[in-house]
Protein backbone atom coordinates (compact mmCIF):
# COMPACT_ATOMS: atom_id res chain seq x y z
CA MET A 1 -0.11 0.12 0.00
CA PRO A 2 1.69 3.35 -1.05
CA GLU A 3 2.26 5.81 1.53
CA ALA A 4 -0.61 8.44 2.78
CA GLN A 5 -1.19 11.64 0.65
CA LEU A 6 -0.07 14.53 2.73
CA ILE A 7 -2.50 17.15 3.77
CA ASP A 8 -0.89 20.35 3.48
CA GLY A 9 -1.81 22.63 6.40
CA ARG A 10 0.65 25.42 5.47
CA ALA A 11 -0.46 25.53 1.84
CA ILE A 12 -4.25 25.54 2.87
CA ALA A 13 -3.58 28.30 5.43
CA GLY A 14 -2.03 30.55 3.13
CA GLN A 15 -5.10 30.04 0.72
CA ILE A 16 -7.33 31.21 3.54
CA LEU A 17 -4.78 34.09 4.49
CA GLU A 18 -4.86 35.25 1.09
CA GLU A 19 -8.68 35.31 1.19
CA SER A 20 -8.61 37.19 4.31
CA ALA A 21 -6.14 40.02 2.99
CA GLN A 22 -8.13 40.64 0.13
CA ARG A 23 -11.22 41.14 2.46
CA ALA A 24 -8.75 43.05 4.90
CA GLN A 25 -7.98 45.47 2.49
CA GLY A 26 -11.62 45.91 1.37
CA LEU A 27 -12.42 47.37 5.00
CA ILE A 28 -9.11 49.28 5.01
CA ALA A 29 -10.36 50.94 1.72
CA ARG A 30 -13.65 51.99 3.27
CA GLY A 31 -11.48 53.62 6.13
CA ILE A 32 -12.27 50.22 8.93
CA VAL A 33 -8.72 48.72 10.05
CA PRO A 34 -9.44 45.42 11.47
CA GLY A 35 -8.39 45.54 15.12
CA LEU A 36 -7.39 42.54 17.04
CA VAL A 37 -6.21 42.54 20.86
CA PHE A 38 -4.08 39.67 22.63
CA ILE A 39 -4.14 39.42 26.37
CA ARG A 40 -1.50 37.41 27.69
CA VAL A 41 -1.17 36.68 31.61
CA GLY A 42 2.10 35.73 32.98
CA GLU A 43 5.20 34.50 30.98
CA ASP A 44 4.42 30.98 29.83
CA PRO A 45 7.15 30.46 27.22
CA ALA A 46 4.67 28.80 24.66
CA SER A 47 2.27 31.32 25.05
CA LYS A 48 4.87 33.84 24.07
CA VAL A 49 5.48 32.01 21.03
CA TYR A 50 1.90 31.37 19.85
CA VAL A 51 1.04 35.27 20.32
CA GLY A 52 4.05 36.22 18.35
CA MET A 53 3.24 33.55 15.63
CA LYS A 54 -0.51 35.39 15.60
CA GLU A 55 0.99 38.94 15.62
CA GLN A 56 3.01 38.17 12.53
CA ALA A 57 0.08 36.90 10.94
CA SER A 58 -2.06 39.89 11.57
CA ALA A 59 0.78 42.25 10.26
CA LYS A 60 0.92 40.54 6.94
CA LEU A 61 -2.98 40.87 6.46
CA GLY A 62 -2.83 44.71 7.47
CA ILE A 63 -4.65 44.06 10.80
CA ALA A 64 -3.77 46.12 13.66
CA SER A 65 -3.03 44.37 16.37
CA GLN A 66 -1.61 44.78 20.01
CA THR A 67 -0.61 42.64 22.82
CA ILE A 68 -1.15 43.41 26.27
CA VAL A 69 0.66 41.63 28.79
CA LEU A 70 -0.42 41.25 32.36
CA PRO A 71 1.70 39.88 35.50
CA ALA A 72 0.93 36.25 36.39
CA THR A 73 -0.13 38.33 39.70
CA THR A 74 -3.02 39.78 38.28
CA SER A 75 -6.47 39.33 39.51
CA GLU A 76 -9.38 38.25 37.88
CA ALA A 77 -11.21 41.34 38.69
CA GLU A 78 -8.38 43.18 37.22
CA LEU A 79 -8.39 40.89 34.22
CA LEU A 80 -12.37 41.49 33.66
CA ARG A 81 -11.87 45.37 33.71
CA ARG A 82 -9.27 45.48 31.06
CA ILE A 83 -11.65 43.10 28.85
CA HIS A 84 -14.60 45.27 29.69
CA ASP A 85 -12.50 48.48 28.40
CA LEU A 86 -11.85 46.68 25.24
CA ASN A 87 -15.44 45.42 24.67
CA ARG A 88 -16.32 49.20 24.65
CA ASP A 89 -13.49 50.06 22.33
CA ARG A 90 -15.06 50.56 18.77
CA SER A 91 -11.46 50.38 17.26
CA VAL A 92 -11.03 46.73 18.32
CA HIS A 93 -13.03 44.22 16.74
CA GLY A 94 -11.12 40.92 18.13
CA ILE A 95 -9.98 40.00 21.41
CA LEU A 96 -8.30 36.91 22.14
CA VAL A 97 -7.14 35.77 25.83
CA GLN A 98 -4.21 33.68 25.33
CA ALA A 99 -4.46 30.38 27.55
CA PRO A 100 -3.16 28.94 29.81
CA LEU A 101 -4.52 31.42 32.58
CA PRO A 102 -2.64 31.30 36.11
CA PRO A 103 -4.49 31.10 38.93
CA PRO A 104 -6.57 32.48 40.46
CA SER A 105 -8.10 33.33 37.18
CA VAL A 106 -11.05 30.80 35.85
CA SER A 107 -10.97 30.46 32.17
CA GLU A 108 -14.64 30.10 31.65
CA ARG A 109 -15.59 33.13 33.32
CA VAL A 110 -12.88 35.06 31.80
CA TYR A 111 -14.09 33.67 28.16
CA ALA A 112 -17.54 34.65 29.02
CA SER A 113 -16.59 38.29 29.60
CA VAL A 114 -15.73 38.86 25.87
CA SER A 115 -18.24 40.45 23.98
CA PRO A 116 -19.62 37.67 21.62
CA ARG A 117 -19.12 40.07 18.84
CA LYS A 118 -15.59 40.13 19.66
CA ASP A 119 -14.84 36.50 20.64
CA VAL A 120 -12.88 35.70 17.52
CA ASP A 121 -11.68 32.43 19.65
CA GLY A 122 -15.24 31.17 19.73
CA PHE A 123 -15.37 30.15 23.35
CA HIS A 124 -17.99 32.56 24.52
CA PRO A 125 -21.05 30.75 25.73
CA GLU A 126 -23.42 32.63 23.01
CA ASN A 127 -21.07 31.70 20.54
CA VAL A 128 -20.96 27.76 21.61
CA GLY A 129 -24.63 27.57 21.88
CA ARG A 130 -25.16 29.02 18.29
CA LEU A 131 -22.49 26.29 17.23
CA MET A 132 -24.70 23.30 18.82
CA LEU A 133 -27.80 24.40 17.45
CA GLY A 134 -26.19 24.48 13.84
CA GLU A 135 -26.51 28.55 13.70
CA ARG A 136 -24.09 30.12 11.15
CA ASP A 137 -23.76 33.75 12.64
CA GLY A 138 -21.61 32.89 15.78
CA PHE A 139 -17.69 32.52 15.49
CA ARG A 140 -16.47 28.96 15.75
CA PRO A 141 -13.60 27.65 17.59
CA CYS A 142 -10.40 28.18 15.39
CA THR A 143 -8.60 24.48 15.68
CA PRO A 144 -11.87 22.58 14.73
CA ALA A 145 -12.90 25.11 12.35
CA GLY A 146 -9.36 24.74 10.84
CA VAL A 147 -9.68 20.91 10.92
CA LEU A 148 -13.12 21.22 8.92
CA GLU A 149 -11.36 23.59 6.49
CA LEU A 150 -8.25 21.03 5.87
CA LEU A 151 -10.86 18.37 5.13
CA VAL A 152 -13.15 20.25 2.94
CA ARG A 153 -10.17 21.66 1.03
CA SER A 154 -8.53 18.36 0.52
CA GLU A 155 -11.74 16.86 -1.12
CA VAL A 156 -12.56 14.32 1.86
CA GLU A 157 -15.99 13.05 1.81
CA ILE A 158 -17.57 14.02 5.07
CA PRO A 159 -21.29 13.51 4.67
CA GLY A 160 -22.28 9.78 5.94
CA SER A 161 -18.80 8.92 6.90
CA HIS A 162 -17.86 7.65 10.29
CA VAL A 163 -15.66 10.51 12.29
CA VAL A 164 -14.10 9.15 15.43
CA ILE A 165 -12.76 11.94 17.61
CA LEU A 166 -9.82 11.02 20.32
CA GLY A 167 -10.34 13.94 22.70
CA ARG A 168 -13.58 15.55 24.44
CA GLY A 169 -11.96 18.84 25.30
CA ASN A 170 -13.82 22.15 25.05
CA ILE A 171 -11.39 23.75 22.51
CA VAL A 172 -11.31 20.71 20.08
CA GLY A 173 -13.11 17.65 20.84
CA LYS A 174 -16.37 19.03 21.83
CA PRO A 175 -17.05 21.77 18.93
CA MET A 176 -15.49 19.30 16.34
CA ALA A 177 -18.10 16.79 16.82
CA ALA A 178 -20.72 19.50 16.82
CA MET A 179 -19.30 20.99 13.36
CA LEU A 180 -19.59 17.27 12.00
CA ILE A 181 -23.08 16.10 12.97
CA GLN A 182 -24.77 19.13 11.63
CA LYS A 183 -26.86 19.20 8.71
CA ASP A 184 -24.76 20.58 6.21
CA VAL A 185 -23.12 19.84 2.76
CA HIS A 186 -19.67 19.76 4.54
CA ALA A 187 -21.09 17.85 7.59
CA ASP A 188 -23.57 14.96 8.13
CA ALA A 189 -21.31 12.54 9.36
CA THR A 190 -21.77 9.96 12.20
CA VAL A 191 -19.40 11.06 15.06
CA THR A 192 -17.92 8.73 17.88
CA LEU A 193 -16.35 10.95 20.49
CA CYS A 194 -13.91 8.97 22.71
CA HIS A 195 -11.99 9.88 25.77
CA SER A 196 -9.73 8.31 28.65
CA ARG A 197 -12.81 6.37 29.80
CA THR A 198 -13.62 4.77 26.38
CA ARG A 199 -13.28 0.99 26.50
CA ASP A 200 -12.27 -1.15 23.56
CA LEU A 201 -10.93 2.33 21.83
CA THR A 202 -9.06 0.43 19.13
CA ASP A 203 -12.41 -1.26 18.10
CA HIS A 204 -13.61 2.38 17.62
CA THR A 205 -10.65 3.97 15.91
CA ARG A 206 -10.43 1.01 13.43
CA ARG A 207 -13.86 1.75 12.22
CA ALA A 208 -12.96 5.38 11.44
CA ASP A 209 -12.97 6.80 7.87
CA ILE A 210 -11.81 9.86 9.60
CA LEU A 211 -9.69 9.92 12.70
CA ILE A 212 -9.04 12.86 14.28
CA ALA A 213 -6.65 12.53 17.19
CA ALA A 214 -6.84 15.43 20.18
CA MET A 215 -6.22 13.74 23.34
CA GLY A 216 -2.51 15.44 23.73
CA VAL A 217 -0.77 12.25 24.56
CA PRO A 218 2.74 11.97 21.97
CA ARG A 219 2.40 9.44 19.44
CA PHE A 220 -0.74 7.81 20.72
CA VAL A 221 -2.33 6.62 17.66
CA THR A 222 -0.36 3.73 15.96
CA ALA A 223 -0.80 1.83 13.00
CA ALA A 224 -2.87 -0.87 14.61
CA MET A 225 -5.51 1.51 15.50
CA VAL A 226 -5.98 2.81 12.16
CA LYS A 227 -8.25 1.51 9.30
CA PRO A 228 -6.61 1.14 6.04
CA GLY A 229 -7.01 4.14 3.69
CA ALA A 230 -8.43 6.35 6.57
CA VAL A 231 -8.03 10.06 6.78
CA VAL A 232 -5.98 10.91 9.84
CA ILE A 233 -5.77 14.38 11.51
CA ASP A 234 -3.45 14.83 14.21
CA VAL A 235 -4.21 18.05 16.38
CA GLY A 236 -1.69 17.27 19.26
CA VAL A 237 1.01 19.29 19.97
CA ASN A 238 3.30 17.56 22.44
CA ARG A 239 7.15 18.34 23.96
CA ILE A 240 9.16 15.44 24.17
CA ALA A 241 13.06 15.29 25.10
CA ASP A 242 15.30 14.92 21.98
CA PRO A 243 19.11 15.10 23.05
CA SER A 244 19.82 15.75 19.30
CA ALA A 245 17.70 18.97 19.11
CA LYS A 246 19.65 22.22 20.09
CA SER A 247 16.70 22.76 22.72
CA GLY A 248 16.97 19.26 24.18
CA THR A 249 13.00 18.90 23.15
CA ARG A 250 11.03 18.70 20.04
CA LEU A 251 7.61 18.60 19.32
CA VAL A 252 5.52 15.78 18.15
CA GLY A 253 1.80 15.14 17.60
CA ASP A 254 -0.61 12.71 18.91
CA VAL A 255 -0.23 10.32 16.05
CA ASP A 256 2.76 8.05 15.41
CA PHE A 257 3.36 9.66 11.75
CA GLU A 258 5.97 7.59 10.41
CA ALA A 259 4.10 4.28 11.05
CA VAL A 260 0.45 5.41 10.39
CA ARG A 261 1.41 7.24 7.12
CA GLN A 262 2.13 3.56 5.92
CA ILE A 263 -1.63 2.72 6.36
CA ALA A 264 -3.53 5.89 6.12
CA GLY A 265 -5.04 6.93 2.72
CA LYS A 266 -4.49 11.00 3.66
CA ILE A 267 -2.67 12.30 6.76
CA THR A 268 -1.61 15.62 8.07
CA PRO A 269 1.78 16.04 9.07
CA ASN A 270 2.75 17.64 12.44
CA PRO A 271 4.22 20.47 12.36
CA GLY A 272 2.61 21.68 9.15
CA GLY A 273 -0.68 20.48 9.49
CA VAL A 274 -3.40 21.67 11.77
CA GLY A 275 -1.31 24.12 13.46
CA PRO A 276 -1.09 26.88 10.67
CA MET A 277 -4.54 26.39 9.95
CA THR A 278 -5.48 27.60 13.53
CA ILE A 279 -3.70 31.17 13.02
CA ALA A 280 -5.42 31.37 9.52
CA MET A 281 -9.10 30.63 11.18
CA LEU A 282 -8.42 33.51 13.62
CA MET A 283 -7.39 35.94 11.27
CA ARG A 284 -10.50 34.92 9.17
CA ASN A 285 -12.66 35.23 12.18
CA THR A 286 -11.08 38.92 13.23
CA VAL A 287 -11.84 40.29 9.73
CA ARG A 288 -15.41 38.81 9.67
CA ALA A 289 -15.73 40.59 13.34
CA ALA A 290 -14.61 43.87 11.57
CA GLU A 291 -16.82 43.50 8.52
CA LEU A 292 -19.70 42.65 11.02
CA ALA A 293 -18.96 45.95 13.20
CA GLY A 294 -18.77 47.74 9.94
CA ALA A 295 -22.13 46.63 8.67
CA GLY A 296 -23.57 47.41 12.27
């Protein structure tokens, strides 16, 4: 069996970024500059990197971005006050609070404080509810929305397919399942959502036409868990020790890529698969938020 076809996340993200750049330029021509604010609390190294990458993408699209850095000791009340001020700022169209948040802030309360119209991360309860109801006018979480775009633009047949999702988190697993079960030309799948308490896990994964791994366990998905010809999407971001690397560590996904690519029909590399899509979808959400503000 030939090796799986690679789903090039960088190339597809590039298409979406180009589309968003054109829309952003249309707004700028009307005097509306899309505005995006990142809030980072503390000095988590990964958060610094992620926000930096999002800032770079914003600059390329003509989005006016700024980052507010608060000390790790910032109270939740102060964080909510900052968000309230940004909600009222008409030059700001998107607000992103970078996870993780150090204690004592509770992420659910913080995400719920962002205006639903500026919630470009798609975490506000109102946007989550709209997604569950199948409505299209809310913002969708960037990573699962990016996965869906990967499938659609790679011409993967979704309607009628059996999709197995590994991981039931609020950021990927649950919203991914909600997107794929909707009555839609790019959905209508039968979805199995697996997690740490799922029995006979391999029995589920080997029935999957599309397998989406979002568990946060390095190389968890082996070749024995994959049906020949299946589409495998690796959402995982895990740092493991690697003495040969300059930093002493490297990033790997939730899928044993080299082994699984011998079995799968299509597969995302990691890096270069889902990661670039998350940023691309954030940019698209931000431009859309600015368009909605301009229309309102």
